Every structure is written in C-alpha cells, then in structure tokens.
Amino acid sequence: MKTGAILYVAGESALDETVDAGSIAKELGIAADRVEMVSATRGYEDVIDAWWMLLTRGMKRVVCFMVSSMDGKHFKLVSQPLRLCG
C-alpha cells in the first residue's frame, strides 16, 4: 500500500529556497512514497488540496504531520501524525 505524507508547516516564516517537502520528511524520519507540503509561503495553500493530489497519485494511506520552523531551514514535529481517510 502506497503511503503519502502531508507536512503542514505552521507559522508564516519564509522557507529557505533549497528546502522541499522530501528533504523535510527525510530530516524528520518520515517514511512515505510521496510527500507534499502545505505552508503560507510555498507548496499548497490547504491540506485538502495536498490530500487530493496524493489520492490522485495513487496513495492509499495519507498521513498529515504538523511541523514548525524558526529559521526556514530546520524543522521539528509539533504534533502526532493524523491519518486522513475518506
């Protein structure tokens, strides 16, 4: 079963240009076949859009993580994973 992950970046700090969803997930130890990012400055604007993209790409299990960053380069998990279904 393919797993997708959504990283919801809390806050409005600007993300570093070199940062992408895959590198954040790797840094945090999140294993997924495909990773999408939701943030105020980059990526999708809301979780529903990212969720839909993962579903249309064949992901059967989608998990959402809330992460935060103070400098736009380093991230930490701030919540337990939330499995999305529907």
C-alpha atoms as a PDB file:
ATOM      1  CA  MET A   1       0.000   0.000   0.000  1.00  0.00           C
ATOM      2  CA  LYS A   2       1.449   3.351  -1.020  1.00  0.00           C
ATOM      3  CA  THR A   3       1.730   5.963   1.703  1.00  0.00           C
ATOM      4  CA  GLY A   4       1.576   9.714   1.226  1.00  0.00           C
ATOM      5  CA  ALA A   5       2.520  12.346   3.772  1.00  0.00           C
ATOM      6  CA  ILE A   6       1.419  15.945   4.121  1.00  0.00           C
ATOM      7  CA  LEU A   7       3.678  18.311   6.029  1.00  0.00           C
ATOM      8  CA  TYR A   8       1.705  21.252   7.393  1.00  0.00           C
ATOM      9  CA  VAL A   9       4.260  23.956   8.160  1.00  0.00           C
ATOM     10  CA  ALA A  10       2.904  26.126  10.985  1.00  0.00           C
ATOM     11  CA  GLY A  11       3.760  29.805  11.110  1.00  0.00           C
ATOM     12  CA  GLU A  12       4.452  32.354   8.446  1.00  0.00           C
ATOM     13  CA  SER A  13       8.248  32.426   8.399  1.00  0.00           C
ATOM     14  CA  ALA A  14       9.716  32.307   4.909  1.00  0.00           C
ATOM     15  CA  LEU A  15      11.092  28.910   3.938  1.00  0.00           C
ATOM     16  CA  ASP A  16      14.594  28.604   2.552  1.00  0.00           C
ATOM     17  CA  GLU A  17      14.613  28.193  -1.247  1.00  0.00           C
ATOM     18  CA  THR A  18      16.588  24.934  -1.053  1.00  0.00           C
ATOM     19  CA  VAL A  19      14.049  23.247   1.239  1.00  0.00           C
ATOM     20  CA  ASP A  20      11.498  20.886  -0.275  1.00  0.00           C
ATOM     21  CA  ALA A  21       8.950  18.500   1.219  1.00  0.00           C
ATOM     22  CA  GLY A  22      11.101  15.430   0.603  1.00  0.00           C
ATOM     23  CA  SER A  23      14.115  16.857   2.427  1.00  0.00           C
ATOM     24  CA  ILE A  24      11.990  17.914   5.416  1.00  0.00           C
ATOM     25  CA  ALA A  25      10.443  14.446   5.650  1.00  0.00           C
ATOM     26  CA  LYS A  26      13.878  12.817   5.466  1.00  0.00           C
ATOM     27  CA  GLU A  27      15.215  15.128   8.198  1.00  0.00           C
ATOM     28  CA  LEU A  28      12.278  14.214  10.450  1.00  0.00           C
ATOM     29  CA  GLY A  29      12.451  10.479   9.734  1.00  0.00           C
ATOM     30  CA  ILE A  30       9.078  10.321   7.979  1.00  0.00           C
ATOM     31  CA  ALA A  31       8.858   7.440   5.517  1.00  0.00           C
ATOM     32  CA  ALA A  32       6.432   7.941   2.621  1.00  0.00           C
ATOM     33  CA  ASP A  33       6.232   7.198  -1.085  1.00  0.00           C
ATOM     34  CA  ARG A  34       5.257  10.796  -1.853  1.00  0.00           C
ATOM     35  CA  VAL A  35       5.361  13.933   0.300  1.00  0.00           C
ATOM     36  CA  GLU A  36       3.514  17.222  -0.184  1.00  0.00           C
ATOM     37  CA  MET A  37       3.874  20.454   1.784  1.00  0.00           C
ATOM     38  CA  VAL A  38       1.265  22.965   2.969  1.00  0.00           C
ATOM     39  CA  SER A  39       2.543  26.363   4.103  1.00  0.00           C
ATOM     40  CA  ALA A  40       1.721  30.051   3.984  1.00  0.00           C
ATOM     41  CA  THR A  41       4.589  30.824   1.611  1.00  0.00           C
ATOM     42  CA  ARG A  42       5.203  27.684  -0.524  1.00  0.00           C
ATOM     43  CA  GLY A  43       3.522  24.457  -1.517  1.00  0.00           C
ATOM     44  CA  TYR A  44      -0.233  24.007  -1.295  1.00  0.00           C
ATOM     45  CA  GLU A  45      -2.462  26.511   0.473  1.00  0.00           C
ATOM     46  CA  ASP A  46      -4.543  23.968   2.378  1.00  0.00           C
ATOM     47  CA  VAL A  47      -4.499  20.335   3.429  1.00  0.00           C
ATOM     48  CA  ILE A  48      -7.431  19.374   1.199  1.00  0.00           C
ATOM     49  CA  ASP A  49      -5.538  20.307  -1.990  1.00  0.00           C
ATOM     50  CA  ALA A  50      -2.468  18.311  -0.932  1.00  0.00           C
ATOM     51  CA  TRP A  51      -4.649  15.376   0.138  1.00  0.00           C
ATOM     52  CA  TRP A  52      -6.438  15.352  -3.214  1.00  0.00           C
ATOM     53  CA  MET A  53      -3.104  15.419  -5.077  1.00  0.00           C
ATOM     54  CA  LEU A  54      -1.858  12.417  -3.108  1.00  0.00           C
ATOM     55  CA  LEU A  55      -5.087  10.483  -3.684  1.00  0.00           C
ATOM     56  CA  THR A  56      -4.955  11.125  -7.426  1.00  0.00           C
ATOM     57  CA  ARG A  57      -1.334   9.921  -7.471  1.00  0.00           C
ATOM     58  CA  GLY A  58      -2.379   6.525  -6.076  1.00  0.00           C
ATOM     59  CA  MET A  59      -1.645   6.939  -2.372  1.00  0.00           C
ATOM     60  CA  LYS A  60      -3.972   4.682  -0.362  1.00  0.00           C
ATOM     61  CA  ARG A  61      -2.841   5.841   3.088  1.00  0.00           C
ATOM     62  CA  VAL A  62      -2.338   9.569   3.755  1.00  0.00           C
ATOM     63  CA  VAL A  63      -0.880  10.907   6.983  1.00  0.00           C
ATOM     64  CA  CYS A  64      -0.624  14.584   7.974  1.00  0.00           C
ATOM     65  CA  PHE A  65       2.126  15.980  10.222  1.00  0.00           C
ATOM     66  CA  MET A  66       2.312  19.468  11.699  1.00  0.00           C
ATOM     67  CA  VAL A  67       5.850  20.836  11.696  1.00  0.00           C
ATOM     68  CA  SER A  68       7.363  24.159  12.695  1.00  0.00           C
ATOM     69  CA  SER A  69      10.457  26.109  11.790  1.00  0.00           C
ATOM     70  CA  MET A  70      12.006  29.197  13.281  1.00  0.00           C
ATOM     71  CA  ASP A  71      14.618  29.816  10.592  1.00  0.00           C
ATOM     72  CA  GLY A  72      13.089  28.260   7.465  1.00  0.00           C
ATOM     73  CA  LYS A  73      15.815  25.596   7.250  1.00  0.00           C
ATOM     74  CA  HIS A  74      15.427  23.338  10.283  1.00  0.00           C
ATOM     75  CA  PHE A  75      12.155  21.693  11.246  1.00  0.00           C
ATOM     76  CA  LYS A  76      10.612  19.825  14.166  1.00  0.00           C
ATOM     77  CA  LEU A  77       7.423  17.835  14.622  1.00  0.00           C
ATOM     78  CA  VAL A  78       4.845  19.569  16.806  1.00  0.00           C
ATOM     79  CA  SER A  79       2.021  17.006  16.697  1.00  0.00           C
ATOM     80  CA  GLN A  80       1.264  13.330  16.424  1.00  0.00           C
ATOM     81  CA  PRO A  81       0.515  12.051  12.911  1.00  0.00           C
ATOM     82  CA  LEU A  82      -3.093  12.385  11.797  1.00  0.00           C
ATOM     83  CA  ARG A  83      -4.349   9.775   9.340  1.00  0.00           C
ATOM     84  CA  LEU A  84      -6.689  11.213   6.745  1.00  0.00           C
ATOM     85  CA  CYS A  85      -9.363   8.983   5.267  1.00  0.00           C
ATOM     86  CA  GLY A  86     -12.399   9.352   3.113  1.00  0.00           C
END
